[in-house]
Amino acid sequence: MTANQMLRLMNRTPFEPMEIHLNNGTKIKMENPYQIATAPNSATCAVYPDDDELMRIVAFRNVAEVITARGAEN
């Protein structure tokens, strides 16, 4: 996964909820595009999973796959 790939997923119209799977087995559900922040060619993204959870910084090298209604992206 790269920042540019994540930006494409975030900017799909309409946005599709996604589940980010990390190499350590963690799964992060994203229901809205504003729950993710990154920049082109960045090594990381900030994710805000739920109102109750703290922000996480995720390194793209640790993303195993992203699942959407259209399928997985690596």
N, C-alpha and C. Protein backbone atom coordinates (compact mmCIF):
# COMPACT_ATOMS: atom_id res chain seq x y z
N MET A 1 0.85 -1.17 0.00
CA MET A 1 0.00 0.00 0.00
C MET A 1 0.90 1.23 0.00
N THR A 2 0.50 2.22 -0.78
CA THR A 2 1.20 3.50 -0.82
C THR A 2 0.22 4.62 -0.49
N ALA A 3 0.77 5.78 -0.21
CA ALA A 3 -0.09 6.94 0.07
C ALA A 3 -0.97 7.25 -1.13
N ASN A 4 -0.41 7.16 -2.33
CA ASN A 4 -1.18 7.46 -3.53
C ASN A 4 -2.33 6.48 -3.72
N GLN A 5 -2.11 5.21 -3.40
CA GLN A 5 -3.20 4.23 -3.47
C GLN A 5 -4.28 4.56 -2.45
N MET A 6 -3.87 4.94 -1.24
CA MET A 6 -4.84 5.29 -0.20
C MET A 6 -5.63 6.53 -0.62
N LEU A 7 -4.97 7.51 -1.20
CA LEU A 7 -5.67 8.71 -1.66
C LEU A 7 -6.73 8.36 -2.71
N ARG A 8 -6.41 7.43 -3.61
CA ARG A 8 -7.40 7.01 -4.61
C ARG A 8 -8.61 6.36 -3.93
N LEU A 9 -8.35 5.52 -2.92
CA LEU A 9 -9.46 4.90 -2.19
C LEU A 9 -10.29 5.94 -1.45
N MET A 10 -9.63 6.91 -0.83
CA MET A 10 -10.33 7.94 -0.07
C MET A 10 -11.19 8.82 -0.97
N ASN A 11 -10.76 9.00 -2.21
CA ASN A 11 -11.45 9.92 -3.11
C ASN A 11 -12.44 9.25 -4.05
N ARG A 12 -12.70 7.97 -3.87
CA ARG A 12 -13.72 7.31 -4.69
C ARG A 12 -15.06 7.98 -4.46
N THR A 13 -15.83 8.10 -5.54
CA THR A 13 -17.17 8.68 -5.44
C THR A 13 -18.16 7.65 -5.96
N PRO A 14 -19.06 7.19 -5.14
CA PRO A 14 -19.18 7.50 -3.72
C PRO A 14 -18.10 6.77 -2.93
N PHE A 15 -17.78 7.29 -1.75
CA PHE A 15 -16.80 6.66 -0.88
C PHE A 15 -17.31 5.29 -0.46
N GLU A 16 -16.41 4.31 -0.44
CA GLU A 16 -16.76 2.97 0.04
C GLU A 16 -16.09 2.73 1.38
N PRO A 17 -16.85 2.37 2.41
CA PRO A 17 -16.22 2.04 3.68
C PRO A 17 -15.15 0.98 3.45
N MET A 18 -14.11 1.03 4.27
CA MET A 18 -13.00 0.11 4.09
C MET A 18 -12.51 -0.43 5.42
N GLU A 19 -11.80 -1.53 5.33
CA GLU A 19 -11.18 -2.12 6.50
C GLU A 19 -9.70 -2.27 6.17
N ILE A 20 -8.85 -1.63 6.98
CA ILE A 20 -7.41 -1.67 6.79
C ILE A 20 -6.87 -2.82 7.64
N HIS A 21 -6.18 -3.77 7.01
CA HIS A 21 -5.59 -4.90 7.72
C HIS A 21 -4.08 -4.65 7.81
N LEU A 22 -3.57 -4.68 9.03
CA LEU A 22 -2.14 -4.48 9.24
C LEU A 22 -1.42 -5.82 9.35
N ASN A 23 -0.10 -5.79 9.16
CA ASN A 23 0.70 -7.01 9.21
C ASN A 23 0.62 -7.74 10.55
N ASN A 24 0.33 -7.01 11.63
CA ASN A 24 0.27 -7.64 12.95
C ASN A 24 -1.12 -8.22 13.27
N GLY A 25 -2.03 -8.18 12.30
CA GLY A 25 -3.37 -8.74 12.49
C GLY A 25 -4.43 -7.72 12.90
N THR A 26 -4.03 -6.49 13.19
CA THR A 26 -4.98 -5.44 13.55
C THR A 26 -5.85 -5.09 12.35
N LYS A 27 -7.13 -4.85 12.60
CA LYS A 27 -8.07 -4.42 11.57
C LYS A 27 -8.67 -3.09 12.00
N ILE A 28 -8.64 -2.11 11.11
CA ILE A 28 -9.17 -0.78 11.40
C ILE A 28 -10.27 -0.48 10.41
N LYS A 29 -11.49 -0.25 10.91
CA LYS A 29 -12.63 0.05 10.04
C LYS A 29 -12.74 1.55 9.83
N MET A 30 -12.93 1.95 8.59
CA MET A 30 -13.08 3.35 8.22
C MET A 30 -14.42 3.50 7.50
N GLU A 31 -15.32 4.28 8.08
CA GLU A 31 -16.65 4.47 7.50
C GLU A 31 -16.75 5.72 6.63
N ASN A 32 -15.84 6.68 6.82
CA ASN A 32 -15.90 7.95 6.10
C ASN A 32 -14.50 8.38 5.67
N PRO A 33 -14.37 9.08 4.57
CA PRO A 33 -13.04 9.48 4.09
C PRO A 33 -12.35 10.46 5.01
N TYR A 34 -13.10 11.24 5.79
CA TYR A 34 -12.47 12.21 6.67
C TYR A 34 -11.84 11.56 7.91
N GLN A 35 -11.95 10.25 8.04
CA GLN A 35 -11.31 9.54 9.14
C GLN A 35 -9.86 9.19 8.84
N ILE A 36 -9.38 9.54 7.64
CA ILE A 36 -8.02 9.22 7.21
C ILE A 36 -7.37 10.50 6.70
N ALA A 37 -6.11 10.70 7.07
CA ALA A 37 -5.37 11.86 6.57
C ALA A 37 -3.99 11.40 6.11
N THR A 38 -3.64 11.78 4.89
CA THR A 38 -2.31 11.48 4.36
C THR A 38 -1.99 12.48 3.27
N ALA A 39 -0.80 12.41 2.75
CA ALA A 39 -0.36 13.29 1.67
C ALA A 39 0.30 12.44 0.59
N PRO A 40 0.31 12.91 -0.66
CA PRO A 40 0.96 12.13 -1.71
C PRO A 40 2.39 11.77 -1.32
N ASN A 41 2.75 10.54 -1.59
CA ASN A 41 4.10 10.01 -1.36
C ASN A 41 4.51 9.95 0.11
N SER A 42 3.57 10.11 1.03
CA SER A 42 3.87 10.01 2.46
C SER A 42 4.13 8.55 2.84
N ALA A 43 4.90 8.35 3.89
CA ALA A 43 5.17 7.00 4.39
C ALA A 43 4.11 6.56 5.39
N THR A 44 3.29 7.50 5.86
CA THR A 44 2.31 7.19 6.91
C THR A 44 0.97 7.85 6.62
N CYS A 45 -0.03 7.41 7.38
CA CYS A 45 -1.31 8.10 7.38
C CYS A 45 -1.80 8.17 8.82
N ALA A 46 -2.62 9.14 9.10
CA ALA A 46 -3.27 9.26 10.40
C ALA A 46 -4.69 8.74 10.22
N VAL A 47 -5.10 7.86 11.10
CA VAL A 47 -6.46 7.33 11.03
C VAL A 47 -7.18 7.62 12.33
N TYR A 48 -8.44 7.94 12.20
CA TYR A 48 -9.32 8.25 13.33
C TYR A 48 -10.48 7.26 13.28
N PRO A 49 -10.28 6.04 13.81
CA PRO A 49 -11.26 4.96 13.64
C PRO A 49 -12.66 5.28 14.14
N ASP A 50 -12.81 5.70 15.37
CA ASP A 50 -14.12 5.98 15.95
C ASP A 50 -14.00 7.19 16.85
N ASP A 51 -15.14 7.72 17.24
CA ASP A 51 -15.13 8.84 18.17
C ASP A 51 -14.50 8.47 19.50
N ASP A 52 -14.61 7.20 19.88
CA ASP A 52 -14.10 6.75 21.17
C ASP A 52 -12.60 6.41 21.15
N GLU A 53 -12.04 6.23 19.97
CA GLU A 53 -10.64 5.82 19.86
C GLU A 53 -9.74 7.00 19.58
N LEU A 54 -8.50 6.86 19.99
CA LEU A 54 -7.50 7.88 19.70
C LEU A 54 -7.01 7.74 18.27
N MET A 55 -6.43 8.80 17.75
CA MET A 55 -5.82 8.76 16.43
C MET A 55 -4.67 7.76 16.44
N ARG A 56 -4.49 7.08 15.31
CA ARG A 56 -3.35 6.18 15.13
C ARG A 56 -2.53 6.67 13.95
N ILE A 57 -1.23 6.53 14.04
CA ILE A 57 -0.36 6.77 12.90
C ILE A 57 -0.01 5.39 12.35
N VAL A 58 -0.31 5.17 11.07
CA VAL A 58 -0.08 3.88 10.44
C VAL A 58 0.95 4.05 9.33
N ALA A 59 2.00 3.24 9.39
CA ALA A 59 3.00 3.23 8.31
C ALA A 59 2.46 2.37 7.18
N PHE A 60 2.50 2.89 5.97
CA PHE A 60 1.97 2.13 4.83
C PHE A 60 2.69 0.80 4.65
N ARG A 61 3.95 0.71 5.06
CA ARG A 61 4.68 -0.56 4.93
C ARG A 61 4.06 -1.65 5.81
N ASN A 62 3.27 -1.24 6.81
CA ASN A 62 2.63 -2.20 7.71
C ASN A 62 1.21 -2.58 7.28
N VAL A 63 0.73 -2.04 6.17
CA VAL A 63 -0.60 -2.37 5.67
C VAL A 63 -0.51 -3.61 4.80
N ALA A 64 -1.16 -4.67 5.23
CA ALA A 64 -1.17 -5.93 4.46
C ALA A 64 -2.17 -5.84 3.31
N GLU A 65 -3.36 -5.29 3.60
CA GLU A 65 -4.38 -5.13 2.57
C GLU A 65 -5.46 -4.18 3.06
N VAL A 66 -6.23 -3.68 2.12
CA VAL A 66 -7.39 -2.85 2.42
C VAL A 66 -8.57 -3.49 1.73
N ILE A 67 -9.62 -3.77 2.49
CA ILE A 67 -10.81 -4.43 1.96
C ILE A 67 -11.91 -3.39 1.79
N THR A 68 -12.50 -3.33 0.59
CA THR A 68 -13.67 -2.49 0.32
C THR A 68 -14.73 -3.39 -0.32
N ALA A 69 -15.87 -2.80 -0.65
CA ALA A 69 -16.93 -3.56 -1.31
C ALA A 69 -16.45 -4.08 -2.67
N ARG A 70 -15.52 -3.38 -3.30
CA ARG A 70 -14.99 -3.81 -4.61
C ARG A 70 -13.94 -4.89 -4.49
N GLY A 71 -13.41 -5.12 -3.29
CA GLY A 71 -12.39 -6.16 -3.12
C GLY A 71 -11.14 -5.62 -2.44
N ALA A 72 -10.12 -6.46 -2.39
CA ALA A 72 -8.88 -6.13 -1.67
C ALA A 72 -7.92 -5.36 -2.55
N GLU A 73 -7.16 -4.47 -1.92
CA GLU A 73 -6.04 -3.76 -2.55
C GLU A 73 -4.83 -3.97 -1.66
N ASN A 74 -3.69 -4.26 -2.26
CA ASN A 74 -2.45 -4.46 -1.48
C ASN A 74 -1.52 -3.30 -1.72
